[in-house]
C-alpha atoms as a PDB file:
ATOM      1  CA  UNK A   1     -32.694   7.168  32.764  1.00  0.00           C
ATOM      2  CA  UNK A   2     -29.649   7.184  30.822  1.00  0.00           C
ATOM      3  CA  UNK A   3     -28.123  10.715  32.349  1.00  0.00           C
ATOM      4  CA  UNK A   4     -28.505  12.595  29.236  1.00  0.00           C
ATOM      5  CA  UNK A   5     -30.263  15.257  31.059  1.00  0.00           C
ATOM      6  CA  UNK A   6     -26.919  15.772  32.956  1.00  0.00           C
ATOM      7  CA  UNK A   7     -24.906  16.231  29.605  1.00  0.00           C
ATOM      8  CA  UNK A   8     -23.773  19.755  29.374  1.00  0.00           C
ATOM      9  CA  UNK A   9     -25.142  21.737  26.300  1.00  0.00           C
ATOM     10  CA  UNK A  10     -21.487  21.956  24.718  1.00  0.00           C
ATOM     11  CA  UNK A  11     -20.909  18.347  24.966  1.00  0.00           C
ATOM     12  CA  UNK A  12     -24.434  17.689  23.251  1.00  0.00           C
ATOM     13  CA  UNK A  13     -23.516  19.736  20.456  1.00  0.00           C
ATOM     14  CA  UNK A  14     -20.080  18.064  19.977  1.00  0.00           C
ATOM     15  CA  UNK A  15     -21.678  14.691  20.278  1.00  0.00           C
ATOM     16  CA  UNK A  16     -24.442  15.596  17.736  1.00  0.00           C
ATOM     17  CA  UNK A  17     -22.050  17.126  15.208  1.00  0.00           C
ATOM     18  CA  UNK A  18     -19.699  14.064  15.375  1.00  0.00           C
ATOM     19  CA  UNK A  19     -22.531  11.767  15.202  1.00  0.00           C
ATOM     20  CA  UNK A  20     -24.118  13.457  12.051  1.00  0.00           C
ATOM     21  CA  UNK A  21     -20.840  13.623  10.283  1.00  0.00           C
ATOM     22  CA  UNK A  22     -20.287   9.977  10.908  1.00  0.00           C
ATOM     23  CA  UNK A  23     -23.410   9.214   9.723  1.00  0.00           C
ATOM     24  CA  UNK A  24     -23.076  11.557   6.602  1.00  0.00           C
ATOM     25  CA  UNK A  25     -19.709  10.006   5.505  1.00  0.00           C
ATOM     26  CA  UNK A  26     -21.264   6.510   5.938  1.00  0.00           C
ATOM     27  CA  UNK A  27     -24.292   7.307   3.642  1.00  0.00           C
ATOM     28  CA  UNK A  28     -21.941   9.011   1.086  1.00  0.00           C
ATOM     29  CA  UNK A  29     -19.698   5.887   1.129  1.00  0.00           C
ATOM     30  CA  UNK A  30     -22.991   3.733   0.641  1.00  0.00           C
ATOM     31  CA  UNK A  31     -24.172   5.793  -2.405  1.00  0.00           C
ATOM     32  CA  UNK A  32     -20.679   5.292  -3.925  1.00  0.00           C
ATOM     33  CA  UNK A  33     -21.410   1.637  -3.838  1.00  0.00           C
ATOM     34  CA  UNK A  34     -24.806   2.219  -5.583  1.00  0.00           C
ATOM     35  CA  UNK A  35     -23.557   4.820  -8.142  1.00  0.00           C
ATOM     36  CA  UNK A  36     -20.305   3.727  -9.154  1.00  0.00           C
ATOM     37  CA  UNK A  37     -19.950   1.322 -12.055  1.00  0.00           C
ATOM     38  CA  UNK A  38     -17.172  -1.608 -11.895  1.00  0.00           C
ATOM     39  CA  UNK A  39     -16.282  -3.681  -8.864  1.00  0.00           C
ATOM     40  CA  UNK A  40     -12.913  -1.784  -8.487  1.00  0.00           C
ATOM     41  CA  UNK A  41     -14.747   1.538  -8.290  1.00  0.00           C
ATOM     42  CA  UNK A  42     -17.400   0.192  -6.011  1.00  0.00           C
ATOM     43  CA  UNK A  43     -15.048  -1.494  -3.414  1.00  0.00           C
ATOM     44  CA  UNK A  44     -13.472   1.959  -2.687  1.00  0.00           C
ATOM     45  CA  UNK A  45     -16.244   4.065  -1.449  1.00  0.00           C
ATOM     46  CA  UNK A  46     -17.476   1.928   1.126  1.00  0.00           C
ATOM     47  CA  UNK A  47     -14.284   1.423   2.798  1.00  0.00           C
ATOM     48  CA  UNK A  48     -13.597   4.904   3.282  1.00  0.00           C
ATOM     49  CA  UNK A  49     -17.016   5.556   4.379  1.00  0.00           C
ATOM     50  CA  UNK A  50     -16.765   2.612   6.943  1.00  0.00           C
ATOM     51  CA  UNK A  51     -13.400   3.939   8.472  1.00  0.00           C
ATOM     52  CA  UNK A  52     -14.024   7.546   8.438  1.00  0.00           C
ATOM     53  CA  UNK A  53     -17.602   7.095   9.699  1.00  0.00           C
ATOM     54  CA  UNK A  54     -16.588   4.745  12.390  1.00  0.00           C
ATOM     55  CA  UNK A  55     -13.825   7.426  13.590  1.00  0.00           C
ATOM     56  CA  UNK A  56     -16.391  10.036  13.855  1.00  0.00           C
ATOM     57  CA  UNK A  57     -19.108   7.896  15.642  1.00  0.00           C
ATOM     58  CA  UNK A  58     -16.477   6.562  17.874  1.00  0.00           C
ATOM     59  CA  UNK A  59     -15.284  10.280  18.719  1.00  0.00           C
ATOM     60  CA  UNK A  60     -18.974  11.138  19.692  1.00  0.00           C
ATOM     61  CA  UNK A  61     -19.161   8.122  21.893  1.00  0.00           C
ATOM     62  CA  UNK A  62     -16.026   9.021  23.795  1.00  0.00           C
ATOM     63  CA  UNK A  63     -16.911  12.695  24.044  1.00  0.00           C
ATOM     64  CA  UNK A  64     -20.286  11.570  25.379  1.00  0.00           C
ATOM     65  CA  UNK A  65     -19.324   8.997  27.971  1.00  0.00           C
ATOM     66  CA  UNK A  66     -16.165  10.905  29.212  1.00  0.00           C
ATOM     67  CA  UNK A  67     -18.416  14.044  30.094  1.00  0.00           C
ATOM     68  CA  UNK A  68     -21.144  11.718  31.807  1.00  0.00           C
ATOM     69  CA  UNK A  69     -18.732   9.632  33.742  1.00  0.00           C
ATOM     70  CA  UNK A  70     -16.506  12.550  34.554  1.00  0.00           C
ATOM     71  CA  UNK A  71     -13.361  10.362  33.468  1.00  0.00           C
ATOM     72  CA  UNK A  72     -11.755   9.751  30.161  1.00  0.00           C
ATOM     73  CA  UNK A  73     -13.258   6.734  28.312  1.00  0.00           C
ATOM     74  CA  UNK A  74     -10.871   5.271  25.680  1.00  0.00           C
ATOM     75  CA  UNK A  75     -12.679   1.891  24.775  1.00  0.00           C
ATOM     76  CA  UNK A  76     -13.646   3.405  21.487  1.00  0.00           C
ATOM     77  CA  UNK A  77      -9.967   3.706  20.315  1.00  0.00           C
ATOM     78  CA  UNK A  78      -9.624  -0.327  20.239  1.00  0.00           C
ATOM     79  CA  UNK A  79     -12.819  -0.361  17.801  1.00  0.00           C
ATOM     80  CA  UNK A  80     -11.382   2.398  15.742  1.00  0.00           C
ATOM     81  CA  UNK A  81      -7.733   0.841  15.538  1.00  0.00           C
ATOM     82  CA  UNK A  82      -9.460  -2.564  14.797  1.00  0.00           C
ATOM     83  CA  UNK A  83     -11.583  -1.118  12.054  1.00  0.00           C
ATOM     84  CA  UNK A  84      -8.737   0.942  10.633  1.00  0.00           C
ATOM     85  CA  UNK A  85      -6.458  -2.182  10.156  1.00  0.00           C
ATOM     86  CA  UNK A  86      -9.057  -4.506   8.948  1.00  0.00           C
ATOM     87  CA  UNK A  87     -11.155  -2.630   6.499  1.00  0.00           C
ATOM     88  CA  UNK A  88      -8.095  -2.102   4.240  1.00  0.00           C
ATOM     89  CA  UNK A  89      -6.959  -5.468   4.630  1.00  0.00           C
ATOM     90  CA  UNK A  90     -10.296  -6.790   3.557  1.00  0.00           C
ATOM     91  CA  UNK A  91     -10.147  -4.265   0.557  1.00  0.00           C
ATOM     92  CA  UNK A  92      -6.798  -5.753  -0.512  1.00  0.00           C
ATOM     93  CA  UNK A  93      -8.077  -9.378  -0.260  1.00  0.00           C
ATOM     94  CA  UNK A  94     -11.256  -8.589  -2.296  1.00  0.00           C
ATOM     95  CA  UNK A  95      -9.513  -6.762  -5.091  1.00  0.00           C
ATOM     96  CA  UNK A  96      -6.784  -9.494  -4.986  1.00  0.00           C
ATOM     97  CA  UNK A  97      -9.541 -12.137  -5.642  1.00  0.00           C
ATOM     98  CA  UNK A  98     -11.197 -10.094  -8.392  1.00  0.00           C
ATOM     99  CA  UNK A  99      -8.009  -9.432 -10.192  1.00  0.00           C
ATOM    100  CA  UNK A 100      -7.276 -13.432 -10.045  1.00  0.00           C
ATOM    101  CA  UNK A 101     -10.797 -14.093 -11.472  1.00  0.00           C
ATOM    102  CA  UNK A 102     -10.278 -11.516 -14.009  1.00  0.00           C
ATOM    103  CA  UNK A 103      -7.015 -12.788 -15.026  1.00  0.00           C
ATOM    104  CA  UNK A 104      -8.310 -16.389 -15.248  1.00  0.00           C
ATOM    105  CA  UNK A 105     -11.233 -15.362 -17.405  1.00  0.00           C
ATOM    106  CA  UNK A 106      -9.248 -13.489 -19.825  1.00  0.00           C
ATOM    107  CA  UNK A 107      -6.708 -16.398 -20.060  1.00  0.00           C
ATOM    108  CA  UNK A 108      -9.680 -18.834 -20.878  1.00  0.00           C
ATOM    109  CA  UNK A 109     -10.943 -16.337 -23.651  1.00  0.00           C
ATOM    110  CA  UNK A 110      -7.471 -16.504 -25.516  1.00  0.00           C
ATOM    111  CA  UNK A 111      -7.157 -19.708 -27.230  1.00  0.00           C
ATOM    112  CA  UNK A 112      -3.855 -21.596 -27.576  1.00  0.00           C
ATOM    113  CA  UNK A 113      -2.164 -21.878 -30.829  1.00  0.00           C
ATOM    114  CA  UNK A 114      -2.774 -25.034 -32.664  1.00  0.00           C
ATOM    115  CA  UNK A 115       0.488 -26.142 -34.140  1.00  0.00           C
END
């Protein structure tokens, strides 16, 4: 038994709502990855979905385990902080690499003047 039967109804509702919101935001970010056209458009939607979805799911976990254990559980704050720090950094690195590649490809298309 996981102790779910001892969870008060108000905590169960808050946990369920937060989990559904986190899942919905993550799915919307994934759909943005599929629907958007260019790489620069595609890279933006999943990073927003990942960051905000993680915040909602971690908040649901904090509510659930804090109520069950009768003490404040804050381990998830570390997960959210690391995710919020690393996801935008990864986005910046990916976009920078793509811009470098695009610039190099454009430079190869332009032929030097023959004098």
